[in-house]
PDB file of N, CA and C in Angstrom:
ATOM      1  N   ASN A   1       0.830  -1.205   0.000  1.00  0.00           N
ATOM      2  CA  ASN A   1       0.000   0.000   0.000  1.00  0.00           C
ATOM      3  C   ASN A   1       0.872   1.266   0.000  1.00  0.00           C
ATOM      4  N   THR A   2       1.932   1.237   0.777  1.00  0.00           N
ATOM      5  CA  THR A   2       2.845   2.373   0.834  1.00  0.00           C
ATOM      6  C   THR A   2       3.559   2.550  -0.501  1.00  0.00           C
ATOM      7  N   LYS A   3       3.864   1.433  -1.139  1.00  0.00           N
ATOM      8  CA  LYS A   3       4.531   1.474  -2.440  1.00  0.00           C
ATOM      9  C   LYS A   3       3.633   2.147  -3.484  1.00  0.00           C
ATOM     10  N   ASP A   4       2.357   1.834  -3.455  1.00  0.00           N
ATOM     11  CA  ASP A   4       1.404   2.443  -4.389  1.00  0.00           C
ATOM     12  C   ASP A   4       1.298   3.953  -4.163  1.00  0.00           C
ATOM     13  N   GLU A   5       1.284   4.370  -2.901  1.00  0.00           N
ATOM     14  CA  GLU A   5       1.189   5.799  -2.589  1.00  0.00           C
ATOM     15  C   GLU A   5       2.427   6.550  -3.078  1.00  0.00           C
ATOM     16  N   LYS A   6       3.600   5.928  -2.946  1.00  0.00           N
ATOM     17  CA  LYS A   6       4.835   6.553  -3.430  1.00  0.00           C
ATOM     18  C   LYS A   6       4.800   6.692  -4.951  1.00  0.00           C
ATOM     19  N   GLU A   7       4.318   5.654  -5.620  1.00  0.00           N
ATOM     20  CA  GLU A   7       4.218   5.708  -7.080  1.00  0.00           C
ATOM     21  C   GLU A   7       3.234   6.787  -7.522  1.00  0.00           C
ATOM     22  N   ILE A   8       2.111   6.881  -6.797  1.00  0.00           N
ATOM     23  CA  ILE A   8       1.102   7.892  -7.136  1.00  0.00           C
ATOM     24  C   ILE A   8       1.669   9.293  -6.933  1.00  0.00           C
ATOM     25  N   SER A   9       2.378   9.514  -5.826  1.00  0.00           N
ATOM     26  CA  SER A   9       2.952  10.847  -5.584  1.00  0.00           C
ATOM     27  C   SER A   9       4.036  11.168  -6.611  1.00  0.00           C
ATOM     28  N   THR A  10       4.811  10.170  -7.005  1.00  0.00           N
ATOM     29  CA  THR A  10       5.830  10.379  -8.038  1.00  0.00           C
ATOM     30  C   THR A  10       5.185  10.740  -9.368  1.00  0.00           C
ATOM     31  N   ILE A  11       4.126  10.046  -9.719  1.00  0.00           N
ATOM     32  CA  ILE A  11       3.419  10.318 -10.972  1.00  0.00           C
ATOM     33  C   ILE A  11       2.797  11.712 -10.940  1.00  0.00           C
ATOM     34  N   LYS A  12       2.232  12.114  -9.799  1.00  0.00           N
ATOM     35  CA  LYS A  12       1.646  13.453  -9.679  1.00  0.00           C
ATOM     36  C   LYS A  12       2.708  14.538  -9.858  1.00  0.00           C
ATOM     37  N   LYS A  13       3.903  14.313  -9.290  1.00  0.00           N
ATOM     38  CA  LYS A  13       4.993  15.276  -9.455  1.00  0.00           C
ATOM     39  C   LYS A  13       5.398  15.381 -10.921  1.00  0.00           C
ATOM     40  N   GLU A  14       5.495  14.232 -11.589  1.00  0.00           N
ATOM     41  CA  GLU A  14       5.875  14.224 -13.004  1.00  0.00           C
ATOM     42  C   GLU A  14       4.827  14.932 -13.862  1.00  0.00           C
ATOM     43  N   ILE A  15       3.555  14.732 -13.540  1.00  0.00           N
ATOM     44  CA  ILE A  15       2.480  15.407 -14.276  1.00  0.00           C
ATOM     45  C   ILE A  15       2.565  16.918 -14.057  1.00  0.00           C
ATOM     46  N   SER A  16       2.856  17.325 -12.829  1.00  0.00           N
ATOM     47  CA  SER A  16       2.984  18.748 -12.525  1.00  0.00           C
ATOM     48  C   SER A  16       4.133  19.371 -13.319  1.00  0.00           C
ATOM     49  N   ILE A  17       5.262  18.684 -13.347  1.00  0.00           N
ATOM     50  CA  ILE A  17       6.422  19.184 -14.094  1.00  0.00           C
ATOM     51  C   ILE A  17       6.110  19.237 -15.588  1.00  0.00           C
ATOM     52  N   ALA A  18       5.433  18.223 -16.104  1.00  0.00           N
ATOM     53  CA  ALA A  18       5.086  18.192 -17.528  1.00  0.00           C
ATOM     54  C   ALA A  18       4.127  19.328 -17.883  1.00  0.00           C
ATOM     55  N   THR A  19       3.182  19.620 -16.992  1.00  0.00           N
ATOM     56  CA  THR A  19       2.228  20.704 -17.235  1.00  0.00           C
ATOM     57  C   THR A  19       2.952  22.052 -17.271  1.00  0.00           C
ATOM     58  N   GLN A  20       3.860  22.273 -16.322  1.00  0.00           N
ATOM     59  CA  GLN A  20       4.627  23.521 -16.304  1.00  0.00           C
ATOM     60  C   GLN A  20       5.470  23.653 -17.566  1.00  0.00           C
ATOM     61  N   SER A  21       6.063  22.550 -17.981  1.00  0.00           N
ATOM     62  CA  SER A  21       6.883  22.560 -19.190  1.00  0.00           C
ATOM     63  C   SER A  21       6.038  22.866 -20.419  1.00  0.00           C
ATOM     64  N   LYS A  22       4.832  22.314 -20.453  1.00  0.00           N
ATOM     65  CA  LYS A  22       3.931  22.537 -21.589  1.00  0.00           C
ATOM     66  C   LYS A  22       3.541  24.012 -21.683  1.00  0.00           C
ATOM     67  N   VAL A  23       3.205  24.619 -20.557  1.00  0.00           N
ATOM     68  CA  VAL A  23       2.829  26.036 -20.540  1.00  0.00           C
ATOM     69  C   VAL A  23       4.021  26.903 -20.944  1.00  0.00           C
ATOM     70  N   GLY A  24       5.201  26.566 -20.440  1.00  0.00           N
ATOM     71  CA  GLY A  24       6.404  27.312 -20.800  1.00  0.00           C
ATOM     72  C   GLY A  24       6.703  27.215 -22.286  1.00  0.00           C
ATOM     73  N   ASN A  25       6.554  26.023 -22.843  1.00  0.00           N
ATOM     74  CA  ASN A  25       6.796  25.842 -24.275  1.00  0.00           C
ATOM     75  C   ASN A  25       5.779  26.606 -25.114  1.00  0.00           C
ATOM     76  N   LEU A  26       4.534  26.645 -24.669  1.00  0.00           N
ATOM     77  CA  LEU A  26       3.500  27.387 -25.389  1.00  0.00           C
ATOM     78  C   LEU A  26       3.814  28.883 -25.388  1.00  0.00           C
ATOM     79  N   LEU A  27       4.227  29.396 -24.248  1.00  0.00           N
ATOM     80  CA  LEU A  27       4.599  30.808 -24.150  1.00  0.00           C
ATOM     81  C   LEU A  27       5.790  31.119 -25.055  1.00  0.00           C
ATOM     82  N   ASN A  28       6.788  30.241 -25.053  1.00  0.00           N
ATOM     83  CA  ASN A  28       7.951  30.433 -25.930  1.00  0.00           C
ATOM     84  C   ASN A  28       7.546  30.423 -27.396  1.00  0.00           C
ATOM     85  N   ALA A  29       6.636  29.547 -27.767  1.00  0.00           N
ATOM     86  CA  ALA A  29       6.188  29.469 -29.162  1.00  0.00           C
ATOM     87  C   ALA A  29       5.457  30.743 -29.574  1.00  0.00           C
ATOM     88  N   ILE A  30       4.604  31.262 -28.698  1.00  0.00           N
ATOM     89  CA  ILE A  30       3.864  32.493 -29.005  1.00  0.00           C
ATOM     90  C   ILE A  30       4.830  33.667 -29.177  1.00  0.00           C
ATOM     91  N   LEU A  31       5.794  33.795 -28.269  1.00  0.00           N
ATOM     92  CA  LEU A  31       6.777  34.877 -28.381  1.00  0.00           C
ATOM     93  C   LEU A  31       7.633  34.721 -29.635  1.00  0.00           C
ATOM     94  N   CYS A  32       7.989  33.492 -29.962  1.00  0.00           N
ATOM     95  CA  CYS A  32       8.789  33.234 -31.159  1.00  0.00           C
ATOM     96  C   CYS A  32       8.039  33.667 -32.417  1.00  0.00           C
ATOM     97  N   VAL A  33       6.758  33.333 -32.506  1.00  0.00           N
ATOM     98  CA  VAL A  33       5.953  33.726 -33.669  1.00  0.00           C
ATOM     99  C   VAL A  33       5.855  35.248 -33.753  1.00  0.00           C
ATOM    100  N   PHE A  34       5.641  35.904 -32.621  1.00  0.00           N
ATOM    101  CA  PHE A  34       5.543  37.367 -32.609  1.00  0.00           C
ATOM    102  C   PHE A  34       6.824  38.010 -33.138  1.00  0.00           C
ATOM    103  N   PHE A  35       7.977  37.567 -32.622  1.00  0.00           N
ATOM    104  CA  PHE A  35       9.237  38.170 -33.042  1.00  0.00           C
ATOM    105  C   PHE A  35       9.604  37.794 -34.474  1.00  0.00           C
ATOM    106  N   MET A  36       9.212  36.618 -34.933  1.00  0.00           N
ATOM    107  CA  MET A  36       9.444  36.261 -36.334  1.00  0.00           C
ATOM    108  C   MET A  36       8.643  37.167 -37.255  1.00  0.00           C
ATOM    109  N   MET A  37       7.393  37.450 -36.881  1.00  0.00           N
ATOM    110  CA  MET A  37       6.561  38.334 -37.704  1.00  0.00           C
ATOM    111  C   MET A  37       7.123  39.756 -37.699  1.00  0.00           C
ATOM    112  N   ALA A  38       7.575  40.225 -36.539  1.00  0.00           N
ATOM    113  CA  ALA A  38       8.155  41.568 -36.457  1.00  0.00           C
ATOM    114  C   ALA A  38       9.420  41.659 -37.307  1.00  0.00           C
ATOM    115  N   THR A  39      10.256  40.633 -37.241  1.00  0.00           N
ATOM    116  CA  THR A  39      11.484  40.616 -38.039  1.00  0.00           C
ATOM    117  C   THR A  39      11.166  40.570 -39.525  1.00  0.00           C
ATOM    118  N   LEU A  40      10.189  39.768 -39.892  1.00  0.00           N
ATOM    119  CA  LEU A  40       9.789  39.672 -41.296  1.00  0.00           C
ATOM    120  C   LEU A  40       9.272  41.019 -41.803  1.00  0.00           C
ATOM    121  N   LEU A  41       8.512  41.723 -40.979  1.00  0.00           N
ATOM    122  CA  LEU A  41       8.006  43.042 -41.355  1.00  0.00           C
ATOM    123  C   LEU A  41       9.146  44.036 -41.573  1.00  0.00           C
ATOM    124  N   VAL A  42      10.152  43.994 -40.706  1.00  0.00           N
ATOM    125  CA  VAL A  42      11.308  44.881 -40.857  1.00  0.00           C
ATOM    126  C   VAL A  42      12.071  44.551 -42.139  1.00  0.00           C
ATOM    127  N   ILE A  43      12.255  43.265 -42.425  1.00  0.00           N
ATOM    128  CA  ILE A  43      12.974  42.862 -43.639  1.00  0.00           C
ATOM    129  C   ILE A  43      12.216  43.304 -44.886  1.00  0.00           C
ATOM    130  N   ILE A  44      10.906  43.110 -44.893  1.00  0.00           N
ATOM    131  CA  ILE A  44      10.095  43.528 -46.045  1.00  0.00           C
ATOM    132  C   ILE A  44      10.169  45.043 -46.231  1.00  0.00           C
ATOM    133  N   SER A  45      10.121  45.789 -45.134  1.00  0.00           N
ATOM    134  CA  SER A  45      10.227  47.251 -45.223  1.00  0.00           C
ATOM    135  C   SER A  45      11.589  47.674 -45.763  1.00  0.00           C
ATOM    136  N   CYS A  46      12.638  47.021 -45.296  1.00  0.00           N
ATOM    137  CA  CYS A  46      13.989  47.354 -45.781  1.00  0.00           C
ATOM    138  C   CYS A  46      14.122  47.085 -47.272  1.00  0.00           C
ATOM    139  N   ILE A  47      13.592  45.967 -47.722  1.00  0.00           N
ATOM    140  CA  ILE A  47      13.645  45.647 -49.150  1.00  0.00           C
ATOM    141  C   ILE A  47      12.856  46.684 -49.946  1.00  0.00           C
ATOM    142  N   GLY A  48      11.683  47.059 -49.452  1.00  0.00           N
ATOM    143  CA  GLY A  48      10.873  48.068 -50.138  1.00  0.00           C
ATOM    144  C   GLY A  48      11.568  49.410 -50.218  1.00  0.00           C
ATOM    145  N   ILE A  49      12.246  49.805 -49.143  1.00  0.00           N
ATOM    146  CA  ILE A  49      12.974  51.080 -49.142  1.00  0.00           C
ATOM    147  C   ILE A  49      14.155  51.014 -50.109  1.00  0.00           C
ATOM    148  N   CYS A  50      14.880  49.887 -50.099  1.00  0.00           N
ATOM    149  CA  CYS A  50      16.043  49.745 -50.999  1.00  0.00           C
ATOM    150  C   CYS A  50      15.621  49.747 -52.464  1.00  0.00           C
ATOM    151  N   LEU A  51      14.479  49.176 -52.768  1.00  0.00           N
ATOM    152  CA  LEU A  51      14.008  49.142 -54.151  1.00  0.00           C
ATOM    153  C   LEU A  51      13.314  50.443 -54.562  1.00  0.00           C
ATOM    154  N   GLY A  52      13.060  51.322 -53.613  1.00  0.00           N
ATOM    155  CA  GLY A  52      12.435  52.606 -53.909  1.00  0.00           C
ATOM    156  C   GLY A  52      10.922  52.550 -53.975  1.00  0.00           C
ATOM    157  N   LYS A  53      10.328  51.444 -53.575  1.00  0.00           N
ATOM    158  CA  LYS A  53       8.863  51.335 -53.612  1.00  0.00           C
ATOM    159  C   LYS A  53       8.221  51.972 -52.386  1.00  0.00           C
ATOM    160  N   ILE A  54       8.973  52.058 -51.299  1.00  0.00           N
ATOM    161  CA  ILE A  54       8.475  52.694 -50.079  1.00  0.00           C
ATOM    162  C   ILE A  54       9.291  53.963 -49.866  1.00  0.00           C
ATOM    163  N   LYS A  55       8.612  55.081 -49.766  1.00  0.00           N
ATOM    164  CA  LYS A  55       9.287  56.358 -49.533  1.00  0.00           C
ATOM    165  C   LYS A  55       9.313  56.633 -48.043  1.00  0.00           C
ATOM    166  N   ILE A  56      10.454  57.054 -47.556  1.00  0.00           N
ATOM    167  CA  ILE A  56      10.573  57.385 -46.142  1.00  0.00           C
ATOM    168  C   ILE A  56       9.952  58.768 -45.934  1.00  0.00           C
ATOM    169  N   PRO A  57       8.956  58.898 -45.068  1.00  0.00           N
ATOM    170  CA  PRO A  57       8.253  60.177 -44.917  1.00  0.00           C
ATOM    171  C   PRO A  57       9.040  61.230 -44.142  1.00  0.00           C
ATOM    172  N   LEU A  58      10.084  60.828 -43.449  1.00  0.00           N
ATOM    173  CA  LEU A  58      10.822  61.782 -42.629  1.00  0.00           C
ATOM    174  C   LEU A  58      11.938  62.427 -43.434  1.00  0.00           C
ATOM    175  N   LYS A  59      12.004  63.748 -43.390  1.00  0.00           N
ATOM    176  CA  LYS A  59      13.053  64.492 -44.084  1.00  0.00           C
ATOM    177  C   LYS A  59      13.541  65.595 -43.167  1.00  0.00           C
ATOM    178  N   GLU A  60      14.736  66.075 -43.443  1.00  0.00           N
ATOM    179  CA  GLU A  60      15.257  67.202 -42.681  1.00  0.00           C
ATOM    180  C   GLU A  60      14.539  68.473 -43.112  1.00  0.00           C
ATOM    181  N   THR A  61      14.406  69.393 -42.170  1.00  0.00           N
ATOM    182  CA  THR A  61      13.769  70.661 -42.514  1.00  0.00           C
ATOM    183  C   THR A  61      14.748  71.543 -43.278  1.00  0.00           C
ATOM    184  N   LYS A  62      14.205  72.470 -44.001  1.00  0.00           N
ATOM    185  CA  LYS A  62      15.009  73.402 -44.778  1.00  0.00           C
ATOM    186  C   LYS A  62      15.795  74.296 -43.828  1.00  0.00           C
ATOM    187  N   TYR A  63      17.025  74.593 -44.184  1.00  0.00           N
ATOM    188  CA  TYR A  63      17.865  75.459 -43.355  1.00  0.00           C
ATOM    189  C   TYR A  63      17.321  76.883 -43.379  1.00  0.00           C
ATOM    190  N   ILE A  64      17.173  77.453 -42.199  1.00  0.00           N
ATOM    191  CA  ILE A  64      16.684  78.830 -42.081  1.00  0.00           C
ATOM    192  C   ILE A  64      17.746  79.646 -41.349  1.00  0.00           C
ATOM    193  N   LYS A  65      18.124  80.779 -41.940  1.00  0.00           N
ATOM    194  CA  LYS A  65      19.134  81.641 -41.320  1.00  0.00           C
ATOM    195  C   LYS A  65      18.527  82.369 -40.126  1.00  0.00           C
ATOM    196  N   ILE A  66      19.384  82.782 -39.231  1.00  0.00           N
ATOM    197  CA  ILE A  66      18.926  83.491 -38.031  1.00  0.00           C
ATOM    198  C   ILE A  66      18.264  84.810 -38.409  1.00  0.00           C
ATOM    199  N   ASP A  67      18.751  85.463 -39.460  1.00  0.00           N
ATOM    200  CA  ASP A  67      18.174  86.743 -39.892  1.00  0.00           C
ATOM    201  C   ASP A  67      16.695  86.596 -40.238  1.00  0.00           C
ATOM    202  N   GLU A  68      16.325  85.478 -40.823  1.00  0.00           N
ATOM    203  CA  GLU A  68      14.926  85.258 -41.198  1.00  0.00           C
ATOM    204  C   GLU A  68      14.043  85.101 -39.963  1.00  0.00           C
ATOM    205  N   PHE A  69      14.580  84.562 -38.874  1.00  0.00           N
ATOM    206  CA  PHE A  69      13.811  84.453 -37.635  1.00  0.00           C
ATOM    207  C   PHE A  69      13.554  85.833 -37.041  1.00  0.00           C
ATOM    208  N   GLN A  70      14.530  86.707 -37.146  1.00  0.00           N
ATOM    209  CA  GLN A  70      14.396  88.038 -36.563  1.00  0.00           C
ATOM    210  C   GLN A  70      13.373  88.879 -37.309  1.00  0.00           C
ATOM    211  N   LYS A  71      13.145  88.600 -38.584  1.00  0.00           N
ATOM    212  CA  LYS A  71      12.145  89.335 -39.358  1.00  0.00           C
ATOM    213  C   LYS A  71      10.738  89.000 -38.890  1.00  0.00           C
ATOM    214  N   ILE A  72      10.561  87.816 -38.395  1.00  0.00           N
ATOM    215  CA  ILE A  72       9.234  87.375 -37.958  1.00  0.00           C
ATOM    216  C   ILE A  72       8.972  87.952 -36.603  1.00  0.00           C
TER     217      ILE A  72
END
């Protein structure tokens, strides 16, 4: 009877460890998919910019002399 109880407690511990491992693996898989999609988006954007199909909206402002500020 004691032997059966030890086996049952051992099996319960193994099930607990397996469940934790399963949840951890699921979380890792979700994060991996997220970062793969983000990386793929960056690569596609870089290719589009290099080929000239995507225009970068940010530009430097025109140089304004100090004299022009004083007129305003």
